[in-house]
C-alpha atoms as a PDB file:
ATOM      1  CA  MET A   1     108.979  11.359  60.500  1.00  0.00           C
ATOM      2  CA  THR A   2     110.654  14.711  61.103  1.00  0.00           C
ATOM      3  CA  PRO A   3     108.539  17.824  62.210  1.00  0.00           C
ATOM      4  CA  ILE A   4     109.004  20.638  60.048  1.00  0.00           C
ATOM      5  CA  GLN A   5     110.746  23.449  60.714  1.00  0.00           C
ATOM      6  CA  SER A   6     108.972  25.706  63.047  1.00  0.00           C
ATOM      7  CA  PHE A   7     108.657  29.546  61.991  1.00  0.00           C
ATOM      8  CA  ASN A   8     112.106  30.984  63.711  1.00  0.00           C
ATOM      9  CA  THR A   9     113.630  34.599  63.338  1.00  0.00           C
ATOM     10  CA  SER A  10     116.225  33.975  65.746  1.00  0.00           C
ATOM     11  CA  ASN A  11     119.016  34.328  63.996  1.00  0.00           C
ATOM     12  CA  LEU A  12     117.396  37.846  61.449  1.00  0.00           C
ATOM     13  CA  PRO A  13     117.574  40.961  62.680  1.00  0.00           C
ATOM     14  CA  GLU A  14     115.575  42.172  65.286  1.00  0.00           C
ATOM     15  CA  ARG A  15     114.020  44.523  62.902  1.00  0.00           C
ATOM     16  CA  GLN A  16     112.581  42.049  60.450  1.00  0.00           C
ATOM     17  CA  ALA A  17     111.006  39.951  63.451  1.00  0.00           C
ATOM     18  CA  ASN A  18     107.892  40.664  62.136  1.00  0.00           C
ATOM     19  CA  LEU A  19     107.877  38.590  58.934  1.00  0.00           C
ATOM     20  CA  ASN A  20     104.720  36.802  57.432  1.00  0.00           C
ATOM     21  CA  PRO A  21     105.227  33.775  58.069  1.00  0.00           C
ATOM     22  CA  VAL A  22     103.805  32.048  55.138  1.00  0.00           C
ATOM     23  CA  GLN A  23     106.244  34.154  52.833  1.00  0.00           C
ATOM     24  CA  TRP A  24     109.120  33.295  54.696  1.00  0.00           C
ATOM     25  CA  ASN A  25     107.978  29.561  54.921  1.00  0.00           C
ATOM     26  CA  LEU A  26     107.779  29.907  51.002  1.00  0.00           C
ATOM     27  CA  ALA A  27     111.094  31.811  51.056  1.00  0.00           C
ATOM     28  CA  LEU A  28     113.127  28.990  53.311  1.00  0.00           C
ATOM     29  CA  GLY A  29     111.627  26.500  50.730  1.00  0.00           C
ATOM     30  CA  MET A  30     113.187  28.161  47.612  1.00  0.00           C
ATOM     31  CA  ALA A  31     116.341  28.569  49.495  1.00  0.00           C
ATOM     32  CA  ARG A  32     116.169  25.187  50.299  1.00  0.00           C
ATOM     33  CA  LYS A  33     116.017  24.053  46.701  1.00  0.00           C
ATOM     34  CA  ILE A  34     118.645  26.147  45.572  1.00  0.00           C
ATOM     35  CA  CYS A  35     121.114  24.817  48.348  1.00  0.00           C
ATOM     36  CA  SER A  36     120.031  21.303  47.606  1.00  0.00           C
ATOM     37  CA  ASP A  37     120.961  21.532  43.759  1.00  0.00           C
ATOM     38  CA  VAL A  38     124.347  23.470  44.377  1.00  0.00           C
ATOM     39  CA  PHE A  39     124.885  20.418  46.668  1.00  0.00           C
ATOM     40  CA  GLN A  40     124.053  18.180  44.314  1.00  0.00           C
ATOM     41  CA  GLU A  41     126.372  19.479  42.043  1.00  0.00           C
ATOM     42  CA  GLY A  42     128.825  19.210  44.684  1.00  0.00           C
ATOM     43  CA  GLY A  43     129.367  22.809  46.206  1.00  0.00           C
ATOM     44  CA  ASN A  44     129.647  24.104  49.759  1.00  0.00           C
ATOM     45  CA  PRO A  45     127.402  26.358  51.248  1.00  0.00           C
ATOM     46  CA  THR A  46     129.377  29.696  50.520  1.00  0.00           C
ATOM     47  CA  GLU A  47     129.205  28.838  46.552  1.00  0.00           C
ATOM     48  CA  ALA A  48     125.217  28.486  47.158  1.00  0.00           C
ATOM     49  CA  VAL A  49     125.219  31.820  48.527  1.00  0.00           C
ATOM     50  CA  GLN A  50     126.808  33.425  46.307  1.00  0.00           C
ATOM     51  CA  SER A  51     125.341  31.750  43.593  1.00  0.00           C
ATOM     52  CA  TYR A  52     121.689  33.445  44.782  1.00  0.00           C
ATOM     53  CA  GLY A  53     123.250  36.643  46.027  1.00  0.00           C
ATOM     54  CA  ASP A  54     123.990  39.739  44.160  1.00  0.00           C
ATOM     55  CA  SER A  55     127.839  41.272  43.920  1.00  0.00           C
ATOM     56  CA  ALA A  56     127.819  42.350  47.791  1.00  0.00           C
ATOM     57  CA  ASP A  57     127.520  38.610  48.562  1.00  0.00           C
ATOM     58  CA  ASN A  58     130.264  37.883  46.926  1.00  0.00           C
ATOM     59  CA  ASP A  59     132.952  37.448  50.239  1.00  0.00           C
ATOM     60  CA  VAL A  60     130.752  36.095  52.374  1.00  0.00           C
ATOM     61  CA  SER A  61     131.810  32.430  53.856  1.00  0.00           C
ATOM     62  CA  VAL A  62     129.290  30.201  55.139  1.00  0.00           C
ATOM     63  CA  GLN A  63     130.299  27.028  56.936  1.00  0.00           C
ATOM     64  CA  HIS A  64     127.207  25.498  57.135  1.00  0.00           C
ATOM     65  CA  TRP A  65     123.961  24.499  54.927  1.00  0.00           C
ATOM     66  CA  GLY A  66     121.144  25.717  57.494  1.00  0.00           C
ATOM     67  CA  HIS A  67     123.246  29.137  57.625  1.00  0.00           C
ATOM     68  CA  ALA A  68     123.251  29.390  53.529  1.00  0.00           C
ATOM     69  CA  ILE A  69     119.654  28.473  53.587  1.00  0.00           C
ATOM     70  CA  ASN A  70     118.710  31.288  55.828  1.00  0.00           C
ATOM     71  CA  LEU A  71     120.971  33.454  54.324  1.00  0.00           C
ATOM     72  CA  ILE A  72     119.280  33.556  50.704  1.00  0.00           C
ATOM     73  CA  ALA A  73     115.788  33.254  52.257  1.00  0.00           C
ATOM     74  CA  PHE A  74     116.489  36.651  53.705  1.00  0.00           C
ATOM     75  CA  ALA A  75     117.673  37.786  50.480  1.00  0.00           C
ATOM     76  CA  MET A  76     114.455  36.448  48.873  1.00  0.00           C
ATOM     77  CA  TYR A  77     112.270  37.830  51.387  1.00  0.00           C
ATOM     78  CA  ALA A  78     113.925  41.369  52.490  1.00  0.00           C
ATOM     79  CA  PRO A  79     112.270  44.250  50.322  1.00  0.00           C
ATOM     80  CA  ARG A  80     114.176  45.525  47.558  1.00  0.00           C
ATOM     81  CA  ARG A  81     115.411  49.004  47.758  1.00  0.00           C
ATOM     82  CA  GLN A  82     114.268  51.309  45.063  1.00  0.00           C
ATOM     83  CA  SER A  83     115.764  54.864  44.365  1.00  0.00           C
ATOM     84  CA  ILE A  84     113.477  57.407  43.630  1.00  0.00           C
ATOM     85  CA  HIS A  85     114.553  60.171  41.121  1.00  0.00           C
END
């Protein structure tokens, strides 16, 4: 039995190091599901990130599934910017 990935923020920007572990682990689970679906359809990590991300992520190149999972989870967890008009 493999251990569950521990709460690790080492690859996230320093300003985001105070993440809620429950919300982060939920985002990781959803990101793993997205990557799993892309992998099962024959896709690669870059396609997984592009399928979830917005237009700003279209020029990203990801070589490893773990990095793709973290990018997608961070995009889910990151607060959305709202403009005040």
